[in-house]
Amino acid sequence: MAIIKKKTWPEYFDLIASGKKKFDVRLNDFDLQEGDVLVFEEWDPKIKKYTARKVEKKVTYVLPCKMDQLFWPEEEIKEKGLKIISLE
């Protein structure tokens, strides 16, 4: 089990801390496995500093994807974007 710290902006931090936001989208530039713990550290972009608020969440599933693994044409993705959907 690894503990991984990630910078999180205030509006997302509050949703994660409250339990409403049960997913996260990140660039796949770090190793992450089921069972690892993500430590979300609140970062205020206005003052460019951490606020000292932190929340830990256990990783239950990781879905890595690349543009060539998606189901839609790249042009449509660029035009419309993607939605990440959380299920309960």
N, C-alpha and C. Protein backbone atom coordinates (compact mmCIF):
# COMPACT_ATOMS: atom_id res chain seq x y z
N MET A 1 0.85 -1.18 0.00
CA MET A 1 0.00 0.00 0.00
C MET A 1 0.89 1.24 0.00
N ALA A 2 0.61 2.14 -0.92
CA ALA A 2 1.35 3.39 -1.01
C ALA A 2 0.46 4.54 -0.56
N ILE A 3 1.10 5.58 -0.05
CA ILE A 3 0.40 6.82 0.30
C ILE A 3 0.89 7.87 -0.69
N ILE A 4 -0.05 8.45 -1.43
CA ILE A 4 0.28 9.37 -2.50
C ILE A 4 -0.42 10.70 -2.25
N LYS A 5 0.34 11.78 -2.25
CA LYS A 5 -0.22 13.12 -2.02
C LYS A 5 -0.51 13.80 -3.35
N LYS A 6 -1.68 14.46 -3.39
CA LYS A 6 -2.06 15.18 -4.60
C LYS A 6 -2.66 16.53 -4.24
N LYS A 7 -2.27 17.54 -4.99
CA LYS A 7 -2.77 18.91 -4.85
C LYS A 7 -4.22 18.95 -5.34
N THR A 8 -5.10 19.62 -4.59
CA THR A 8 -6.51 19.71 -4.96
C THR A 8 -7.04 21.11 -4.69
N TRP A 9 -7.71 21.69 -5.66
CA TRP A 9 -8.27 23.03 -5.51
C TRP A 9 -9.45 23.01 -4.54
N PRO A 10 -9.73 24.14 -3.88
CA PRO A 10 -10.74 24.20 -2.82
C PRO A 10 -12.12 23.66 -3.20
N GLU A 11 -12.65 24.00 -4.37
CA GLU A 11 -14.00 23.55 -4.72
C GLU A 11 -14.07 22.03 -4.85
N TYR A 12 -13.00 21.41 -5.28
CA TYR A 12 -12.97 19.95 -5.37
C TYR A 12 -12.65 19.32 -4.02
N PHE A 13 -11.78 19.97 -3.26
CA PHE A 13 -11.44 19.45 -1.93
C PHE A 13 -12.69 19.32 -1.07
N ASP A 14 -13.53 20.35 -1.04
CA ASP A 14 -14.74 20.31 -0.23
C ASP A 14 -15.66 19.16 -0.64
N LEU A 15 -15.78 18.92 -1.94
CA LEU A 15 -16.64 17.83 -2.42
C LEU A 15 -16.08 16.46 -2.06
N ILE A 16 -14.76 16.32 -2.13
CA ILE A 16 -14.12 15.06 -1.74
C ILE A 16 -14.25 14.85 -0.24
N ALA A 17 -13.95 15.90 0.53
CA ALA A 17 -14.01 15.79 2.00
C ALA A 17 -15.42 15.46 2.49
N SER A 18 -16.43 16.00 1.84
CA SER A 18 -17.82 15.75 2.26
C SER A 18 -18.30 14.36 1.85
N GLY A 19 -17.60 13.73 0.92
CA GLY A 19 -18.01 12.41 0.44
C GLY A 19 -18.90 12.45 -0.79
N LYS A 20 -19.24 13.65 -1.25
CA LYS A 20 -20.09 13.77 -2.43
C LYS A 20 -19.35 13.36 -3.71
N LYS A 21 -18.10 13.78 -3.83
CA LYS A 21 -17.29 13.45 -5.01
C LYS A 21 -16.51 12.18 -4.69
N LYS A 22 -16.94 11.08 -5.32
CA LYS A 22 -16.34 9.78 -5.04
C LYS A 22 -15.51 9.27 -6.21
N PHE A 23 -14.90 10.19 -6.92
CA PHE A 23 -14.05 9.85 -8.05
C PHE A 23 -13.03 10.97 -8.20
N ASP A 24 -12.01 10.72 -8.99
CA ASP A 24 -11.05 11.77 -9.30
C ASP A 24 -10.49 11.47 -10.68
N VAL A 25 -10.11 12.50 -11.39
CA VAL A 25 -9.52 12.37 -12.72
C VAL A 25 -8.13 12.98 -12.64
N ARG A 26 -7.14 12.21 -12.99
CA ARG A 26 -5.75 12.68 -12.94
C ARG A 26 -5.00 12.23 -14.18
N LEU A 27 -3.98 12.97 -14.52
CA LEU A 27 -3.06 12.54 -15.56
C LEU A 27 -2.39 11.26 -15.08
N ASN A 28 -2.27 10.29 -15.96
CA ASN A 28 -1.70 8.99 -15.59
C ASN A 28 -0.17 9.07 -15.60
N ASP A 29 0.38 9.91 -14.73
CA ASP A 29 1.83 10.10 -14.68
C ASP A 29 2.44 9.63 -13.36
N PHE A 30 1.69 8.79 -12.62
CA PHE A 30 2.22 8.24 -11.37
C PHE A 30 1.61 6.86 -11.16
N ASP A 31 2.32 6.02 -10.40
CA ASP A 31 1.85 4.67 -10.13
C ASP A 31 0.76 4.72 -9.06
N LEU A 32 -0.32 4.00 -9.31
CA LEU A 32 -1.44 3.97 -8.37
C LEU A 32 -2.12 2.62 -8.48
N GLN A 33 -2.34 1.99 -7.33
CA GLN A 33 -2.95 0.66 -7.29
C GLN A 33 -4.16 0.68 -6.37
N GLU A 34 -5.06 -0.27 -6.58
CA GLU A 34 -6.17 -0.46 -5.65
C GLU A 34 -5.58 -0.73 -4.26
N GLY A 35 -6.17 -0.11 -3.25
CA GLY A 35 -5.67 -0.25 -1.88
C GLY A 35 -4.74 0.86 -1.45
N ASP A 36 -4.19 1.62 -2.40
CA ASP A 36 -3.35 2.77 -2.05
C ASP A 36 -4.23 3.85 -1.41
N VAL A 37 -3.58 4.79 -0.77
CA VAL A 37 -4.30 5.91 -0.14
C VAL A 37 -3.88 7.20 -0.83
N LEU A 38 -4.89 7.95 -1.28
CA LEU A 38 -4.63 9.27 -1.84
C LEU A 38 -4.86 10.30 -0.74
N VAL A 39 -3.87 11.15 -0.54
CA VAL A 39 -4.01 12.26 0.40
C VAL A 39 -4.23 13.50 -0.43
N PHE A 40 -5.44 14.03 -0.37
CA PHE A 40 -5.77 15.25 -1.09
C PHE A 40 -5.40 16.43 -0.20
N GLU A 41 -4.50 17.27 -0.70
CA GLU A 41 -4.06 18.45 0.03
C GLU A 41 -4.63 19.69 -0.66
N GLU A 42 -5.40 20.44 0.10
CA GLU A 42 -6.05 21.62 -0.49
C GLU A 42 -5.01 22.67 -0.87
N TRP A 43 -5.11 23.14 -2.10
CA TRP A 43 -4.22 24.17 -2.66
C TRP A 43 -5.08 25.34 -3.10
N ASP A 44 -4.75 26.52 -2.65
CA ASP A 44 -5.50 27.71 -3.04
C ASP A 44 -4.75 28.39 -4.19
N PRO A 45 -5.29 28.33 -5.41
CA PRO A 45 -4.58 28.91 -6.55
C PRO A 45 -4.51 30.43 -6.51
N LYS A 46 -5.39 31.07 -5.74
CA LYS A 46 -5.36 32.53 -5.66
C LYS A 46 -4.12 33.03 -4.93
N ILE A 47 -3.75 32.33 -3.87
CA ILE A 47 -2.57 32.73 -3.09
C ILE A 47 -1.37 31.83 -3.35
N LYS A 48 -1.60 30.79 -4.17
CA LYS A 48 -0.54 29.85 -4.55
C LYS A 48 0.13 29.20 -3.34
N LYS A 49 -0.75 28.74 -2.41
CA LYS A 49 -0.25 28.08 -1.19
C LYS A 49 -1.20 26.97 -0.78
N TYR A 50 -0.64 26.00 -0.05
CA TYR A 50 -1.48 24.97 0.57
C TYR A 50 -2.19 25.57 1.77
N THR A 51 -3.42 25.10 2.03
CA THR A 51 -4.20 25.63 3.15
C THR A 51 -3.99 24.84 4.44
N ALA A 52 -3.32 23.73 4.38
CA ALA A 52 -3.07 22.80 5.49
C ALA A 52 -4.22 21.82 5.70
N ARG A 53 -5.32 21.96 4.92
CA ARG A 53 -6.39 20.96 5.02
C ARG A 53 -6.03 19.76 4.16
N LYS A 54 -6.24 18.57 4.72
CA LYS A 54 -5.95 17.32 4.03
C LYS A 54 -7.07 16.34 4.30
N VAL A 55 -7.29 15.45 3.34
CA VAL A 55 -8.24 14.36 3.54
C VAL A 55 -7.66 13.12 2.84
N GLU A 56 -7.80 11.97 3.51
CA GLU A 56 -7.30 10.72 2.95
C GLU A 56 -8.46 9.88 2.43
N LYS A 57 -8.26 9.27 1.26
CA LYS A 57 -9.26 8.39 0.66
C LYS A 57 -8.56 7.15 0.12
N LYS A 58 -9.16 6.00 0.38
CA LYS A 58 -8.62 4.74 -0.11
C LYS A 58 -9.04 4.55 -1.57
N VAL A 59 -8.11 4.11 -2.39
CA VAL A 59 -8.37 3.85 -3.80
C VAL A 59 -9.04 2.48 -3.92
N THR A 60 -10.23 2.45 -4.52
CA THR A 60 -10.95 1.18 -4.67
C THR A 60 -10.90 0.65 -6.10
N TYR A 61 -10.65 1.51 -7.07
CA TYR A 61 -10.59 1.08 -8.47
C TYR A 61 -9.82 2.11 -9.28
N VAL A 62 -9.04 1.65 -10.23
CA VAL A 62 -8.29 2.53 -11.13
C VAL A 62 -8.60 2.11 -12.56
N LEU A 63 -9.06 3.04 -13.38
CA LEU A 63 -9.35 2.77 -14.78
C LEU A 63 -8.43 3.63 -15.64
N PRO A 64 -7.26 3.11 -16.00
CA PRO A 64 -6.39 3.88 -16.89
C PRO A 64 -6.94 3.84 -18.31
N CYS A 65 -6.80 4.93 -19.03
CA CYS A 65 -7.24 4.92 -20.43
C CYS A 65 -6.34 5.84 -21.24
N LYS A 66 -6.24 5.51 -22.49
CA LYS A 66 -5.49 6.32 -23.44
C LYS A 66 -6.44 6.70 -24.56
N MET A 67 -6.11 7.73 -25.28
CA MET A 67 -6.99 8.21 -26.35
C MET A 67 -7.29 7.11 -27.38
N ASP A 68 -6.33 6.23 -27.65
CA ASP A 68 -6.57 5.18 -28.65
C ASP A 68 -7.41 4.02 -28.10
N GLN A 69 -7.75 4.06 -26.81
CA GLN A 69 -8.55 3.01 -26.20
C GLN A 69 -10.00 3.45 -26.00
N LEU A 70 -10.33 4.63 -26.44
CA LEU A 70 -11.67 5.14 -26.21
C LEU A 70 -12.61 4.68 -27.32
N PHE A 71 -13.90 4.79 -27.06
CA PHE A 71 -14.92 4.27 -27.96
C PHE A 71 -15.40 5.28 -28.99
N TRP A 72 -14.95 6.52 -28.90
CA TRP A 72 -15.47 7.57 -29.77
C TRP A 72 -14.34 8.15 -30.60
N PRO A 73 -14.69 8.73 -31.75
CA PRO A 73 -13.66 9.37 -32.57
C PRO A 73 -13.03 10.57 -31.83
N GLU A 74 -11.74 10.75 -32.04
CA GLU A 74 -11.00 11.82 -31.38
C GLU A 74 -11.61 13.20 -31.65
N GLU A 75 -12.14 13.40 -32.86
CA GLU A 75 -12.74 14.69 -33.20
C GLU A 75 -13.95 14.99 -32.29
N GLU A 76 -14.76 13.96 -32.04
CA GLU A 76 -15.92 14.15 -31.17
C GLU A 76 -15.50 14.42 -29.73
N ILE A 77 -14.46 13.75 -29.28
CA ILE A 77 -13.97 13.98 -27.92
C ILE A 77 -13.47 15.41 -27.78
N LYS A 78 -12.72 15.89 -28.78
CA LYS A 78 -12.21 17.27 -28.74
C LYS A 78 -13.36 18.28 -28.76
N GLU A 79 -14.41 17.98 -29.53
CA GLU A 79 -15.55 18.89 -29.64
C GLU A 79 -16.42 18.88 -28.38
N LYS A 80 -16.73 17.69 -27.87
CA LYS A 80 -17.72 17.56 -26.81
C LYS A 80 -17.13 17.29 -25.43
N GLY A 81 -15.90 16.79 -25.38
CA GLY A 81 -15.29 16.41 -24.11
C GLY A 81 -15.84 15.07 -23.62
N LEU A 82 -15.44 14.70 -22.43
CA LEU A 82 -15.88 13.45 -21.82
C LEU A 82 -16.54 13.76 -20.48
N LYS A 83 -17.35 12.84 -20.00
CA LYS A 83 -17.93 12.93 -18.65
C LYS A 83 -17.39 11.75 -17.86
N ILE A 84 -17.03 12.02 -16.64
CA ILE A 84 -16.68 10.96 -15.70
C ILE A 84 -17.90 10.83 -14.79
N ILE A 85 -18.42 9.62 -14.69
CA ILE A 85 -19.68 9.42 -13.98
C ILE A 85 -19.43 8.57 -12.74
N SER A 86 -19.89 9.05 -11.61
CA SER A 86 -19.78 8.31 -10.36
C SER A 86 -21.08 7.56 -10.10
N LEU A 87 -20.97 6.31 -9.71
CA LEU A 87 -22.14 5.49 -9.44
C LEU A 87 -22.19 5.10 -7.97
N GLU A 88 -23.37 4.91 -7.48
CA GLU A 88 -23.52 4.53 -6.07
C GLU A 88 -24.42 3.32 -5.97
